[in-house]
Amino acid sequence: MLAVIFIYMVLASQFNSFIHPLTIMTALPLSLPAGLLALMAFGMTINVYSAIGLMMLFGVVKKNSILQVDYTNTLREQGMERHEALIAGEPRPAAADSDDDDRDRRRHDPDRASARAPAPARARRWRSPSSAARCSACC
């Protein structure tokens, strides 16, 4: 019980709010059934190592909650409405990031000239020969 009070006090001082720590801490009890179901699905027992793993799961869930609340607060400070900030603060699937990474990798790989993407209009201005030699794929 003292640990919960201590966590609440630290989060309340970090966010200057009484509500945001409760939002973050509600995710912790929800992660326990998921961790136990994962142990049951793989036929594992609850021992010292799995207890340490569950504690790590709590830490990851708490960190993720803190990052989401902080990012949502940042968006709201920038003038975004509450609903828009909540939607924008949701995590994106990992598959959505891979297309951008592949495009950037192809653009900056000098060995794959056929895979080069066309240069954007703002990058087609005159450049000095030294900068063109550094990255001819996108300039």
Protein backbone atom coordinates (compact mmCIF):
# COMPACT_ATOMS: atom_id res chain seq x y z
CA MET A 1 0.00 0.00 0.00
CA LEU A 2 2.91 2.34 0.75
CA ALA A 3 4.35 1.66 -2.71
CA VAL A 4 1.06 2.66 -4.38
CA ILE A 5 0.91 5.88 -2.33
CA PHE A 6 4.54 6.65 -3.17
CA ILE A 7 3.96 6.06 -6.90
CA TYR A 8 0.87 8.27 -6.80
CA MET A 9 2.77 11.08 -5.05
CA VAL A 10 5.65 10.96 -7.53
CA LEU A 11 3.32 10.96 -10.54
CA ALA A 12 1.16 13.73 -9.06
CA SER A 13 4.23 15.92 -8.60
CA GLN A 14 5.46 15.11 -12.10
CA PHE A 15 2.18 15.95 -13.86
CA ASN A 16 0.91 18.62 -11.43
CA SER A 17 -2.44 16.85 -11.44
CA PHE A 18 -4.46 14.56 -9.20
CA ILE A 19 -6.21 12.82 -12.12
CA HIS A 20 -3.33 11.81 -14.43
CA PRO A 21 -1.66 9.51 -11.86
CA LEU A 22 -4.95 7.65 -11.48
CA THR A 23 -5.17 7.31 -15.26
CA ILE A 24 -1.66 5.85 -15.38
CA MET A 25 -2.17 3.55 -12.42
CA THR A 26 -5.40 2.04 -13.79
CA ALA A 27 -3.36 0.29 -16.49
CA LEU A 28 -1.36 -1.70 -13.94
CA PRO A 29 -4.12 -4.01 -12.67
CA LEU A 30 -5.20 -4.62 -16.26
CA SER A 31 -1.76 -5.97 -17.17
CA LEU A 32 -1.76 -8.68 -14.48
CA PRO A 33 -4.41 -10.93 -16.13
CA ALA A 34 -2.65 -10.58 -19.49
CA GLY A 35 0.66 -11.66 -17.96
CA LEU A 36 -0.93 -14.61 -16.16
CA LEU A 37 -2.76 -15.69 -19.32
CA ALA A 38 0.54 -15.58 -21.22
CA LEU A 39 2.11 -17.82 -18.58
CA MET A 40 -0.81 -20.25 -18.85
CA ALA A 41 -0.74 -20.22 -22.67
CA PHE A 42 2.90 -21.30 -22.73
CA GLY A 43 2.51 -23.82 -19.90
CA MET A 44 4.83 -21.98 -17.53
CA THR A 45 4.61 -21.95 -13.77
CA ILE A 46 4.68 -18.98 -11.43
CA ASN A 47 8.15 -18.93 -9.91
CA VAL A 48 10.77 -16.33 -9.05
CA TYR A 49 11.69 -15.71 -12.70
CA SER A 50 8.10 -15.28 -13.84
CA ALA A 51 7.44 -12.96 -10.88
CA ILE A 52 10.40 -10.83 -11.97
CA GLY A 53 8.96 -10.87 -15.49
CA LEU A 54 5.59 -9.69 -14.20
CA MET A 55 7.32 -6.85 -12.33
CA MET A 56 9.07 -5.90 -15.57
CA LEU A 57 5.69 -6.00 -17.32
CA PHE A 58 4.32 -3.58 -14.73
CA GLY A 59 7.26 -1.24 -15.37
CA VAL A 60 6.80 -1.32 -19.14
CA VAL A 61 3.05 -0.73 -18.84
CA LYS A 62 3.58 2.17 -16.45
CA LYS A 63 6.21 3.73 -18.70
CA ASN A 64 3.95 3.39 -21.74
CA SER A 65 1.07 5.00 -19.85
CA ILE A 66 3.28 7.88 -18.73
CA LEU A 67 4.46 8.49 -22.28
CA GLN A 68 0.91 8.45 -23.67
CA VAL A 69 -0.43 10.83 -21.02
CA ASP A 70 2.54 13.17 -21.43
CA TYR A 71 2.21 13.23 -25.24
CA THR A 72 -1.54 13.86 -24.99
CA ASN A 73 -0.89 16.75 -22.59
CA THR A 74 1.71 18.15 -24.99
CA LEU A 75 -0.76 18.05 -27.87
CA ARG A 76 -3.42 19.75 -25.75
CA GLU A 77 -0.95 22.51 -24.80
CA GLN A 78 -0.33 23.08 -28.51
CA GLY A 79 -4.02 23.85 -28.96
CA MET A 80 -5.48 20.52 -29.99
CA GLU A 81 -8.92 19.58 -28.67
CA ARG A 82 -9.20 16.80 -26.07
CA HIS A 83 -10.70 14.21 -28.44
CA GLU A 84 -8.17 14.95 -31.21
CA ALA A 85 -5.27 14.76 -28.75
CA LEU A 86 -6.45 11.40 -27.43
CA ILE A 87 -6.73 9.99 -30.96
CA ALA A 88 -3.34 11.39 -31.99
CA GLY A 89 -1.73 10.04 -28.81
CA GLU A 90 -2.73 6.45 -29.54
CA PRO A 91 0.10 4.16 -30.61
CA ARG A 92 0.34 3.29 -34.30
CA PRO A 93 0.85 -0.28 -35.50
CA ALA A 94 4.45 -1.19 -36.23
CA ALA A 95 3.59 -2.04 -39.85
CA ALA A 96 2.70 1.61 -40.52
CA ASP A 97 6.26 2.69 -39.69
CA SER A 98 7.98 0.13 -41.95
CA ASP A 99 6.90 1.81 -45.22
CA ASP A 100 8.54 5.10 -44.25
CA ASP A 101 11.72 3.34 -43.12
CA ASP A 102 11.98 1.35 -46.38
CA ARG A 103 11.47 4.48 -48.47
CA ASP A 104 14.16 6.36 -46.54
CA ARG A 105 16.54 3.42 -46.79
CA ARG A 106 16.07 3.17 -50.57
CA ARG A 107 16.50 6.90 -51.03
CA HIS A 108 19.84 7.06 -49.18
CA ASP A 109 21.35 3.85 -50.54
CA PRO A 110 23.74 4.90 -53.36
CA ASP A 111 24.13 1.32 -54.66
CA ARG A 112 20.45 1.01 -55.56
CA ALA A 113 20.03 3.69 -58.21
CA SER A 114 16.90 2.07 -59.63
CA ALA A 115 15.16 2.23 -56.24
CA ARG A 116 15.74 5.93 -55.76
CA ALA A 117 12.69 7.97 -55.07
CA PRO A 118 12.25 11.21 -56.98
CA ALA A 119 13.52 14.24 -55.15
CA PRO A 120 10.87 16.42 -53.56
CA ALA A 121 10.28 19.85 -55.07
CA ARG A 122 11.84 21.71 -52.14
CA ALA A 123 15.09 19.73 -52.47
CA ARG A 124 15.61 20.51 -56.19
CA ARG A 125 17.30 23.82 -55.62
CA TRP A 126 20.95 24.35 -56.54
CA ARG A 127 23.45 22.70 -54.25
CA SER A 128 27.19 22.97 -54.07
CA PRO A 129 29.20 20.09 -55.61
CA SER A 130 30.46 18.97 -52.20
CA SER A 131 26.94 18.49 -50.81
CA ALA A 132 25.83 16.71 -54.00
CA ALA A 133 28.71 14.26 -53.67
CA ARG A 134 27.65 13.38 -50.12
CA CYS A 135 24.10 12.38 -50.92
CA SER A 136 23.28 12.15 -54.60
CA ALA A 137 20.28 9.94 -53.95
CA CYS A 138 17.94 12.64 -52.67
CA CYS A 139 19.46 15.90 -53.95
